[in-house]
Protein backbone atom coordinates (compact mmCIF):
# COMPACT_ATOMS: atom_id res chain seq x y z
CA MET A 1 -23.55 9.98 -9.68
CA LYS A 2 -24.55 6.50 -8.28
CA GLN A 3 -24.48 5.17 -12.15
CA ALA A 4 -21.29 6.43 -12.71
CA ILE A 5 -20.11 5.20 -9.18
CA THR A 6 -21.93 1.89 -11.00
CA VAL A 7 -20.58 1.22 -13.80
CA GLU A 8 -17.22 2.45 -13.04
CA TRP A 9 -16.77 -1.07 -10.54
CA GLN A 10 -18.16 -2.84 -13.26
CA ALA A 11 -16.28 -1.91 -15.44
CA ASP A 12 -13.34 -2.70 -12.91
CA ARG A 13 -14.95 -5.71 -11.64
CA LYS A 14 -14.21 -7.74 -15.22
CA SER A 15 -10.70 -6.64 -16.30
CA GLY A 16 -10.59 -8.47 -12.64
CA GLN A 17 -9.72 -4.96 -10.78
CA SER A 18 -11.83 -6.04 -7.75
CA PHE A 19 -12.02 -5.73 -4.13
CA THR A 20 -13.69 -9.05 -3.21
CA LYS A 21 -14.31 -10.86 0.88
CA SER A 22 -11.54 -13.47 -0.87
CA MET A 23 -8.39 -10.47 -0.98
CA ARG A 24 -9.39 -9.82 2.33
CA LEU A 25 -7.73 -11.00 5.81
CA LEU A 26 -10.74 -12.45 7.86
CA SER A 27 -9.77 -15.18 10.56
CA SER A 28 -6.96 -13.94 13.21
CA SER A 29 -4.44 -17.30 12.57
CA ASP A 30 -4.29 -14.90 8.96
CA PHE A 31 -3.28 -11.92 11.36
CA GLN A 32 -1.33 -13.47 13.25
CA SER A 33 0.84 -15.27 11.00
CA VAL A 34 1.96 -12.09 8.87
CA PHE A 35 2.86 -10.19 12.64
CA ASP A 36 4.81 -13.16 14.15
CA ASP A 37 6.98 -13.78 10.60
CA ALA A 38 6.89 -11.03 8.52
CA PRO A 39 9.74 -10.47 6.13
CA LEU A 40 8.69 -7.51 4.10
CA ARG A 41 8.07 -3.89 5.92
CA THR A 42 7.84 -0.87 5.17
CA SER A 43 6.90 2.44 8.13
CA HIS A 44 5.79 6.15 7.30
CA GLN A 45 4.75 8.68 9.94
CA HIS A 46 1.39 8.04 9.30
CA PHE A 47 0.67 4.23 8.67
CA LEU A 48 2.60 1.29 8.42
CA PHE A 49 3.21 -2.02 6.02
CA LEU A 50 3.78 -5.38 7.29
CA ALA A 51 4.00 -8.23 4.50
CA ARG A 52 4.36 -12.15 4.49
CA GLN A 53 4.32 -14.80 1.20
CA ASN A 54 1.11 -16.94 1.02
CA GLN A 55 0.79 -19.49 -1.73
CA LEU A 56 -2.31 -18.61 -2.60
CA GLY A 57 -1.05 -16.82 -5.87
CA ARG A 58 -3.46 -13.31 -4.57
CA PRO A 59 -2.51 -11.21 -2.60
CA ARG A 60 -4.98 -10.86 0.86
CA LEU A 61 -5.59 -7.68 3.27
CA GLY A 62 -5.26 -6.89 6.83
CA LEU A 63 -6.12 -3.33 7.94
CA VAL A 64 -6.05 -2.73 11.83
CA ILE A 65 -7.38 1.14 12.21
CA ALA A 66 -7.52 0.91 16.21
CA LYS A 67 -9.98 3.63 17.45
CA LYS A 68 -7.19 5.05 20.59
CA HIS A 69 -5.50 6.24 17.57
CA ILE A 70 -8.45 8.14 14.54
CA ARG A 71 -11.30 8.42 16.92
CA HIS A 72 -14.45 9.50 14.80
CA ALA A 73 -15.91 6.20 13.14
CA VAL A 74 -15.58 8.31 10.20
CA ASP A 75 -11.92 9.66 9.23
CA ARG A 76 -11.27 5.10 10.27
CA ASN A 77 -13.10 3.66 7.87
CA ARG A 78 -12.38 6.60 5.07
CA MET A 79 -8.84 5.65 6.06
CA LYS A 80 -9.82 2.33 5.33
CA ARG A 81 -11.81 2.87 2.09
CA LEU A 82 -8.92 4.92 0.27
CA ILE A 83 -6.90 2.19 1.62
CA ARG A 84 -8.69 -0.23 0.03
CA GLU A 85 -8.72 1.29 -3.07
CA THR A 86 -4.87 1.68 -3.40
CA PHE A 87 -4.63 -1.46 -2.55
CA ARG A 88 -7.45 -2.84 -5.39
CA VAL A 89 -5.30 -0.66 -8.19
CA LYS A 90 -1.96 -2.61 -7.43
CA GLN A 91 -3.20 -5.60 -6.36
CA GLN A 92 -1.61 -7.00 -9.94
CA GLN A 93 1.62 -6.22 -8.77
CA LEU A 94 0.56 -7.72 -5.16
CA ALA A 95 0.42 -10.76 -6.26
CA GLY A 96 1.06 -14.21 -3.65
CA ILE A 97 1.59 -11.45 0.12
CA ASP A 98 -0.05 -11.25 3.02
CA VAL A 99 -0.83 -7.22 3.68
CA ILE A 100 -1.68 -5.66 7.55
CA VAL A 101 -2.26 -2.00 7.21
CA LEU A 102 -1.31 -0.79 10.38
CA ALA A 103 -2.93 2.77 11.11
CA ARG A 104 -0.91 5.64 13.55
CA LYS A 105 -2.52 8.42 15.11
CA GLY A 106 -2.30 11.71 12.88
CA MET A 107 -3.18 9.77 9.88
CA ASN A 108 -6.93 10.74 9.74
CA ASP A 109 -5.41 14.91 9.72
CA SER A 110 -4.29 14.62 6.05
CA THR A 111 -6.17 14.60 3.02
CA ASN A 112 -7.58 11.95 0.20
CA ALA A 113 -5.42 13.61 -2.01
CA MET A 114 -2.23 13.35 -0.14
CA LEU A 115 -3.30 9.78 1.99
CA ILE A 116 -3.66 8.49 -1.84
CA GLU A 117 -0.28 10.07 -2.56
CA GLN A 118 1.25 8.87 0.69
CA LEU A 119 0.22 4.92 0.51
CA ASN A 120 0.51 4.68 -3.67
CA GLY A 121 4.45 5.31 -2.55
CA GLN A 122 4.86 3.31 0.48
CA TRP A 123 3.34 0.48 -2.00
CA GLN A 124 5.65 0.86 -4.35
CA ARG A 125 8.08 0.70 -1.81
CA LEU A 126 6.76 -2.50 -1.19
CA ILE A 127 6.61 -4.07 -4.30
CA ARG A 128 10.10 -2.86 -4.79
CA LYS A 129 10.67 -5.01 -1.24
CA LEU A 130 9.33 -7.89 -2.61
CA GLN A 131 11.05 -7.70 -6.50
CA LYS A 132 14.19 -7.82 -4.55
CA ALA A 133 13.24 -10.46 -2.13
CA THR A 134 12.31 -13.08 -5.16
CA SER A 135 14.91 -11.75 -6.57
CA GLU A 136 17.21 -12.79 -4.18
CA PRO A 137 16.71 -16.84 -3.72
CA ALA A 138 17.01 -17.63 -7.15
CA ALA A 139 20.27 -16.01 -8.17
């Protein structure tokens, strides 16, 4: 089982689909800049996406998974893994934005398949809003 997973991850790294440290929002100033000015927002019952364009040419992801909303560490870590994985798959379409995903109460009650479907839908909404925002100034 482990061999199959490592082979899959190595294939992803070769194709540019990995999730590296440079794709994370690390400092509080990075988070604060998105919180202060987030023109791109998508909302769902279980999570909120805040995004703004950056000058780096690559997407970056920040996660806010509060213990207040998701009590057990196992569930918080599962949410983080699912969010990171869906972000990793969509990263080519998200080039040049910083995104923060905030978890809301009840997110841990959903199954993995349901959460992945909901997250993919939110990423698609965010991509559409990003495309609309980038096409407006040019017009």
